[in-house]
Structure formats: C-alpha cells, structure tokens
Amino acid sequence: MQYRSHRYQTQFPTQLATPTGRQQCHVIDVNSTGARIQGPRTLRRGDKIKFRVLNDEVAAVVCWSSGDKAGIIFRPQITSNQVDTLRYRQDRGRNRPRGAVGFAFAEM
C-alpha cells in the first residue's frame, strides 16, 4: 500500500493554464508533492497544467478528476516556501529552518 505525505487544508485561489484554456480554481489541500484543486470541470487524467506561486510557474500533472475536483502531482516538487504560501502560513520567518518555533520567548 502506498502512503502519501500529510496535506495541509487551504482555500488558495489561483488561475490554471490547462489544455482547454485558463480556468479559475482553489487549491483545497497541498503538500510539496501534490494538491487537490476545486473548480475546473474540463480536466482529465494526464493533462498537464500550470499556475503561479510566489512569481514562479508551477507545473503539475492531473492524477484524477471527478466533477469539479482534481488531484495533481507537482513536476518537479514545490519548495517549502511555496507550500507555506499556498496554505497562507504567515508565521514562518525567512531565515528560520522548517520546523523551528514560530515565536520568541518573552521576558517576565
């Protein structure tokens, strides 16, 4: 059985470039290897799509599609900063390593 990494819930709006043209959608969960999107109805398995995160173009391949939802795999994987942007994470410092505490100790 194949397991995937934890996905972070979000509601990140974006515009996809698809084989049938541009479409509005929301990324509804994400990790560095893939995401689930909601909105586009014309996607099919194997379609190559693109969208922008942090002024970088992100490429992905559709793994499954059902109604207005689809699962995608990023090719190549996205960075931790891009994941944090897609999940609206504001507390991560630029120079702080991933997993570091997001606050400073206050003196009493």
N, C-alpha and C. Protein backbone atom coordinates (compact mmCIF):
# COMPACT_ATOMS: atom_id res chain seq x y z
N MET A 1 0.84 -1.16 0.00
CA MET A 1 0.00 0.00 0.00
C MET A 1 0.89 1.24 0.00
N GLN A 2 0.57 2.21 -0.83
CA GLN A 2 1.36 3.43 -0.93
C GLN A 2 0.71 4.55 -0.11
N TYR A 3 1.52 5.20 0.72
CA TYR A 3 1.03 6.29 1.56
C TYR A 3 1.56 7.61 1.03
N ARG A 4 0.77 8.66 1.19
CA ARG A 4 1.23 9.99 0.80
C ARG A 4 1.47 10.83 2.04
N SER A 5 2.26 11.87 1.89
CA SER A 5 2.54 12.79 2.98
C SER A 5 1.28 13.55 3.37
N HIS A 6 1.28 14.06 4.61
CA HIS A 6 0.15 14.86 5.09
C HIS A 6 -0.08 16.04 4.16
N ARG A 7 -1.34 16.36 3.93
CA ARG A 7 -1.69 17.54 3.14
C ARG A 7 -2.32 18.58 4.04
N TYR A 8 -1.98 19.84 3.80
CA TYR A 8 -2.50 20.96 4.58
C TYR A 8 -3.76 21.51 3.92
N GLN A 9 -4.82 21.69 4.70
CA GLN A 9 -6.06 22.25 4.19
C GLN A 9 -5.86 23.73 3.91
N THR A 10 -6.49 24.23 2.85
CA THR A 10 -6.38 25.64 2.48
C THR A 10 -7.55 26.01 1.56
N GLN A 11 -7.61 27.25 1.14
CA GLN A 11 -8.57 27.74 0.15
C GLN A 11 -7.86 28.80 -0.68
N PHE A 12 -6.79 28.43 -1.37
CA PHE A 12 -5.96 29.37 -2.11
C PHE A 12 -6.49 29.54 -3.53
N PRO A 13 -6.95 30.75 -3.89
CA PRO A 13 -7.45 30.96 -5.25
C PRO A 13 -6.30 31.10 -6.25
N THR A 14 -6.47 30.54 -7.42
CA THR A 14 -5.45 30.66 -8.45
C THR A 14 -6.09 30.48 -9.83
N GLN A 15 -5.33 30.77 -10.85
CA GLN A 15 -5.79 30.59 -12.23
C GLN A 15 -4.89 29.55 -12.89
N LEU A 16 -5.51 28.49 -13.38
CA LEU A 16 -4.78 27.40 -14.04
C LEU A 16 -4.65 27.66 -15.53
N ALA A 17 -3.52 27.28 -16.08
CA ALA A 17 -3.37 27.19 -17.53
C ALA A 17 -3.54 25.71 -17.87
N THR A 18 -4.62 25.37 -18.57
CA THR A 18 -4.96 23.99 -18.89
C THR A 18 -4.95 23.79 -20.40
N PRO A 19 -5.03 22.54 -20.87
CA PRO A 19 -5.09 22.30 -22.31
C PRO A 19 -6.30 22.96 -22.99
N THR A 20 -7.36 23.25 -22.22
CA THR A 20 -8.56 23.86 -22.79
C THR A 20 -8.65 25.35 -22.52
N GLY A 21 -7.59 25.95 -21.96
CA GLY A 21 -7.58 27.39 -21.68
C GLY A 21 -7.43 27.68 -20.20
N ARG A 22 -7.54 28.94 -19.84
CA ARG A 22 -7.39 29.37 -18.45
C ARG A 22 -8.68 29.14 -17.67
N GLN A 23 -8.52 28.68 -16.41
CA GLN A 23 -9.67 28.42 -15.55
C GLN A 23 -9.36 28.85 -14.13
N GLN A 24 -10.35 29.42 -13.45
CA GLN A 24 -10.23 29.79 -12.05
C GLN A 24 -10.44 28.54 -11.20
N CYS A 25 -9.70 28.44 -10.09
CA CYS A 25 -9.88 27.33 -9.18
C CYS A 25 -9.36 27.69 -7.80
N HIS A 26 -9.54 26.79 -6.84
CA HIS A 26 -8.99 26.92 -5.50
C HIS A 26 -8.17 25.66 -5.20
N VAL A 27 -6.99 25.86 -4.62
CA VAL A 27 -6.22 24.75 -4.08
C VAL A 27 -6.85 24.47 -2.72
N ILE A 28 -7.35 23.24 -2.49
CA ILE A 28 -8.05 22.96 -1.23
C ILE A 28 -7.24 22.11 -0.26
N ASP A 29 -6.19 21.45 -0.72
CA ASP A 29 -5.18 20.88 0.17
C ASP A 29 -3.88 20.73 -0.60
N VAL A 30 -2.76 20.75 0.13
CA VAL A 30 -1.46 20.82 -0.54
C VAL A 30 -0.35 20.24 0.33
N ASN A 31 0.66 19.66 -0.32
CA ASN A 31 1.96 19.36 0.28
C ASN A 31 2.99 19.55 -0.84
N SER A 32 4.24 19.23 -0.59
CA SER A 32 5.27 19.52 -1.60
C SER A 32 5.18 18.65 -2.84
N THR A 33 4.47 17.53 -2.77
CA THR A 33 4.40 16.62 -3.91
C THR A 33 3.12 16.77 -4.74
N GLY A 34 2.05 17.31 -4.13
CA GLY A 34 0.80 17.40 -4.87
C GLY A 34 -0.26 18.20 -4.16
N ALA A 35 -1.43 18.25 -4.77
CA ALA A 35 -2.53 19.04 -4.21
C ALA A 35 -3.86 18.53 -4.74
N ARG A 36 -4.91 18.99 -4.09
CA ARG A 36 -6.27 18.77 -4.59
C ARG A 36 -6.82 20.14 -4.93
N ILE A 37 -7.42 20.26 -6.11
CA ILE A 37 -7.96 21.53 -6.55
C ILE A 37 -9.46 21.39 -6.79
N GLN A 38 -10.16 22.52 -6.68
CA GLN A 38 -11.60 22.54 -6.90
C GLN A 38 -11.94 23.67 -7.84
N GLY A 39 -12.78 23.40 -8.80
CA GLY A 39 -13.21 24.44 -9.72
C GLY A 39 -13.27 24.00 -11.17
N PRO A 40 -12.15 23.56 -11.73
CA PRO A 40 -12.17 23.22 -13.16
C PRO A 40 -12.94 21.92 -13.43
N ARG A 41 -13.77 21.93 -14.46
CA ARG A 41 -14.57 20.76 -14.80
C ARG A 41 -14.06 20.02 -16.03
N THR A 42 -13.13 20.60 -16.74
CA THR A 42 -12.72 20.00 -18.01
C THR A 42 -11.40 19.24 -17.93
N LEU A 43 -10.86 19.06 -16.73
CA LEU A 43 -9.59 18.36 -16.60
C LEU A 43 -9.78 16.85 -16.73
N ARG A 44 -8.78 16.21 -17.34
CA ARG A 44 -8.77 14.75 -17.45
C ARG A 44 -7.43 14.22 -16.96
N ARG A 45 -7.43 12.97 -16.56
CA ARG A 45 -6.20 12.34 -16.10
C ARG A 45 -5.12 12.46 -17.17
N GLY A 46 -3.92 12.86 -16.74
CA GLY A 46 -2.80 13.01 -17.67
C GLY A 46 -2.62 14.42 -18.22
N ASP A 47 -3.62 15.30 -18.04
CA ASP A 47 -3.49 16.68 -18.51
C ASP A 47 -2.35 17.37 -17.77
N LYS A 48 -1.59 18.17 -18.50
CA LYS A 48 -0.54 18.97 -17.90
C LYS A 48 -1.08 20.38 -17.67
N ILE A 49 -0.90 20.88 -16.44
CA ILE A 49 -1.41 22.20 -16.08
C ILE A 49 -0.28 23.02 -15.46
N LYS A 50 -0.51 24.34 -15.39
CA LYS A 50 0.46 25.26 -14.78
C LYS A 50 -0.31 26.35 -14.04
N PHE A 51 0.30 26.85 -12.96
CA PHE A 51 -0.19 28.04 -12.27
C PHE A 51 0.97 28.71 -11.57
N ARG A 52 0.74 29.89 -11.01
CA ARG A 52 1.82 30.67 -10.41
C ARG A 52 1.74 30.68 -8.89
N VAL A 53 2.92 30.53 -8.23
CA VAL A 53 3.07 30.65 -6.78
C VAL A 53 4.37 31.42 -6.54
N LEU A 54 4.29 32.51 -5.79
CA LEU A 54 5.47 33.34 -5.50
C LEU A 54 6.20 33.75 -6.77
N ASN A 55 5.48 34.15 -7.78
CA ASN A 55 6.03 34.58 -9.07
C ASN A 55 6.78 33.49 -9.81
N ASP A 56 6.63 32.24 -9.37
CA ASP A 56 7.22 31.10 -10.08
C ASP A 56 6.09 30.30 -10.72
N GLU A 57 6.37 29.80 -11.90
CA GLU A 57 5.39 28.94 -12.56
C GLU A 57 5.55 27.52 -12.01
N VAL A 58 4.44 26.93 -11.61
CA VAL A 58 4.43 25.57 -11.07
C VAL A 58 3.76 24.66 -12.09
N ALA A 59 4.42 23.57 -12.44
CA ALA A 59 3.87 22.61 -13.39
C ALA A 59 3.36 21.40 -12.64
N ALA A 60 2.27 20.81 -13.14
CA ALA A 60 1.68 19.64 -12.49
C ALA A 60 1.00 18.77 -13.53
N VAL A 61 0.74 17.53 -13.12
CA VAL A 61 0.01 16.57 -13.96
C VAL A 61 -1.22 16.11 -13.18
N VAL A 62 -2.35 16.03 -13.86
CA VAL A 62 -3.60 15.60 -13.23
C VAL A 62 -3.57 14.08 -13.05
N CYS A 63 -3.78 13.63 -11.79
CA CYS A 63 -3.81 12.19 -11.48
C CYS A 63 -5.22 11.64 -11.54
N TRP A 64 -6.18 12.44 -11.08
CA TRP A 64 -7.57 12.02 -11.11
C TRP A 64 -8.45 13.26 -11.20
N SER A 65 -9.65 13.07 -11.69
CA SER A 65 -10.61 14.16 -11.81
C SER A 65 -12.01 13.60 -11.61
N SER A 66 -12.81 14.30 -10.78
CA SER A 66 -14.18 13.88 -10.52
C SER A 66 -15.03 15.13 -10.29
N GLY A 67 -15.95 15.40 -11.20
CA GLY A 67 -16.77 16.60 -11.09
C GLY A 67 -15.91 17.85 -11.18
N ASP A 68 -15.98 18.70 -10.14
CA ASP A 68 -15.20 19.93 -10.15
C ASP A 68 -13.94 19.83 -9.29
N LYS A 69 -13.53 18.62 -8.91
CA LYS A 69 -12.32 18.41 -8.11
C LYS A 69 -11.32 17.56 -8.89
N ALA A 70 -10.04 17.78 -8.58
CA ALA A 70 -8.99 17.01 -9.24
C ALA A 70 -7.78 16.91 -8.33
N GLY A 71 -7.04 15.81 -8.45
CA GLY A 71 -5.79 15.61 -7.72
C GLY A 71 -4.64 15.81 -8.69
N ILE A 72 -3.62 16.55 -8.26
CA ILE A 72 -2.48 16.84 -9.14
C ILE A 72 -1.17 16.47 -8.44
N ILE A 73 -0.16 16.14 -9.24
CA ILE A 73 1.20 15.90 -8.75
C ILE A 73 2.09 16.97 -9.37
N PHE A 74 2.88 17.65 -8.51
CA PHE A 74 3.79 18.69 -8.99
C PHE A 74 5.00 18.05 -9.65
N ARG A 75 5.40 18.58 -10.79
CA ARG A 75 6.57 18.12 -11.53
C ARG A 75 7.44 19.31 -11.91
N PRO A 76 8.54 19.62 -11.21
CA PRO A 76 9.09 18.95 -10.03
C PRO A 76 8.34 19.37 -8.77
N GLN A 77 8.72 18.76 -7.63
CA GLN A 77 8.09 19.11 -6.36
C GLN A 77 8.28 20.60 -6.07
N ILE A 78 7.33 21.18 -5.32
CA ILE A 78 7.45 22.60 -4.97
C ILE A 78 8.24 22.75 -3.67
N THR A 79 8.72 23.97 -3.42
CA THR A 79 9.53 24.25 -2.24
C THR A 79 8.66 24.42 -1.00
N SER A 80 9.29 24.38 0.17
CA SER A 80 8.54 24.58 1.41
C SER A 80 7.97 25.99 1.48
N ASN A 81 8.66 26.99 0.93
CA ASN A 81 8.12 28.36 0.90
C ASN A 81 6.86 28.43 0.04
N GLN A 82 6.84 27.71 -1.06
CA GLN A 82 5.65 27.69 -1.92
C GLN A 82 4.49 26.98 -1.22
N VAL A 83 4.78 25.88 -0.51
CA VAL A 83 3.73 25.20 0.27
C VAL A 83 3.17 26.15 1.31
N ASP A 84 4.05 26.86 2.03
CA ASP A 84 3.60 27.80 3.06
C ASP A 84 2.74 28.91 2.46
N THR A 85 3.10 29.38 1.28
CA THR A 85 2.29 30.41 0.61
C THR A 85 0.92 29.86 0.24
N LEU A 86 0.88 28.66 -0.31
CA LEU A 86 -0.40 28.06 -0.71
C LEU A 86 -1.30 27.80 0.49
N ARG A 87 -0.73 27.59 1.66
CA ARG A 87 -1.56 27.35 2.85
C ARG A 87 -1.72 28.61 3.69
N TYR A 88 -1.32 29.76 3.15
CA TYR A 88 -1.46 31.06 3.81
C TYR A 88 -0.69 31.16 5.12
N ARG A 89 0.39 30.42 5.26
CA ARG A 89 1.14 30.45 6.52
C ARG A 89 1.92 31.76 6.61
N GLN A 90 1.65 32.54 7.65
CA GLN A 90 2.27 33.85 7.81
C GLN A 90 3.39 33.87 8.84
N ASP A 91 3.46 32.87 9.73
CA ASP A 91 4.39 32.94 10.85
C ASP A 91 5.79 32.43 10.54
N ARG A 92 6.02 31.90 9.38
CA ARG A 92 7.33 31.34 9.07
C ARG A 92 8.30 32.45 8.68
N GLY A 93 9.40 32.56 9.38
CA GLY A 93 10.42 33.55 9.08
C GLY A 93 11.24 33.14 7.87
N ARG A 94 11.80 34.10 7.21
CA ARG A 94 12.58 33.81 6.00
C ARG A 94 13.83 32.97 6.30
N ASN A 95 14.51 33.25 7.42
CA ASN A 95 15.76 32.56 7.71
C ASN A 95 15.61 31.47 8.75
N ARG A 96 14.40 31.20 9.17
CA ARG A 96 14.17 30.18 10.18
C ARG A 96 14.03 28.82 9.50
N PRO A 97 14.72 27.81 9.99
CA PRO A 97 14.58 26.48 9.38
C PRO A 97 13.18 25.91 9.58
N ARG A 98 12.75 25.08 8.65
CA ARG A 98 11.43 24.47 8.73
C ARG A 98 11.33 23.66 10.02
N GLY A 99 10.21 23.83 10.74
CA GLY A 99 10.00 23.12 11.97
C GLY A 99 10.45 23.88 13.20
N ALA A 100 11.06 25.08 13.01
CA ALA A 100 11.51 25.88 14.15
C ALA A 100 10.30 26.52 14.82
N VAL A 101 10.47 26.88 16.08
CA VAL A 101 9.39 27.51 16.83
C VAL A 101 9.05 28.85 16.20
N GLY A 102 7.76 29.18 16.09
CA GLY A 102 7.31 30.39 15.41
C GLY A 102 7.13 31.59 16.31
N PHE A 103 7.71 31.59 17.50
CA PHE A 103 7.60 32.75 18.38
C PHE A 103 8.86 32.87 19.23
N ALA A 104 9.07 34.05 19.81
CA ALA A 104 10.22 34.28 20.67
C ALA A 104 9.76 34.23 22.12
N PHE A 105 10.68 33.88 23.02
CA PHE A 105 10.35 33.85 24.44
C PHE A 105 10.31 35.26 24.99
N ALA A 106 9.27 35.58 25.75
CA ALA A 106 9.13 36.92 26.33
C ALA A 106 9.70 36.91 27.74
N GLU A 107 10.35 38.00 28.09
CA GLU A 107 10.84 38.14 29.46
C GLU A 107 9.69 38.49 30.38
N MET A 108 9.74 38.00 31.59
CA MET A 108 8.67 38.32 32.55
C MET A 108 9.21 39.15 33.68
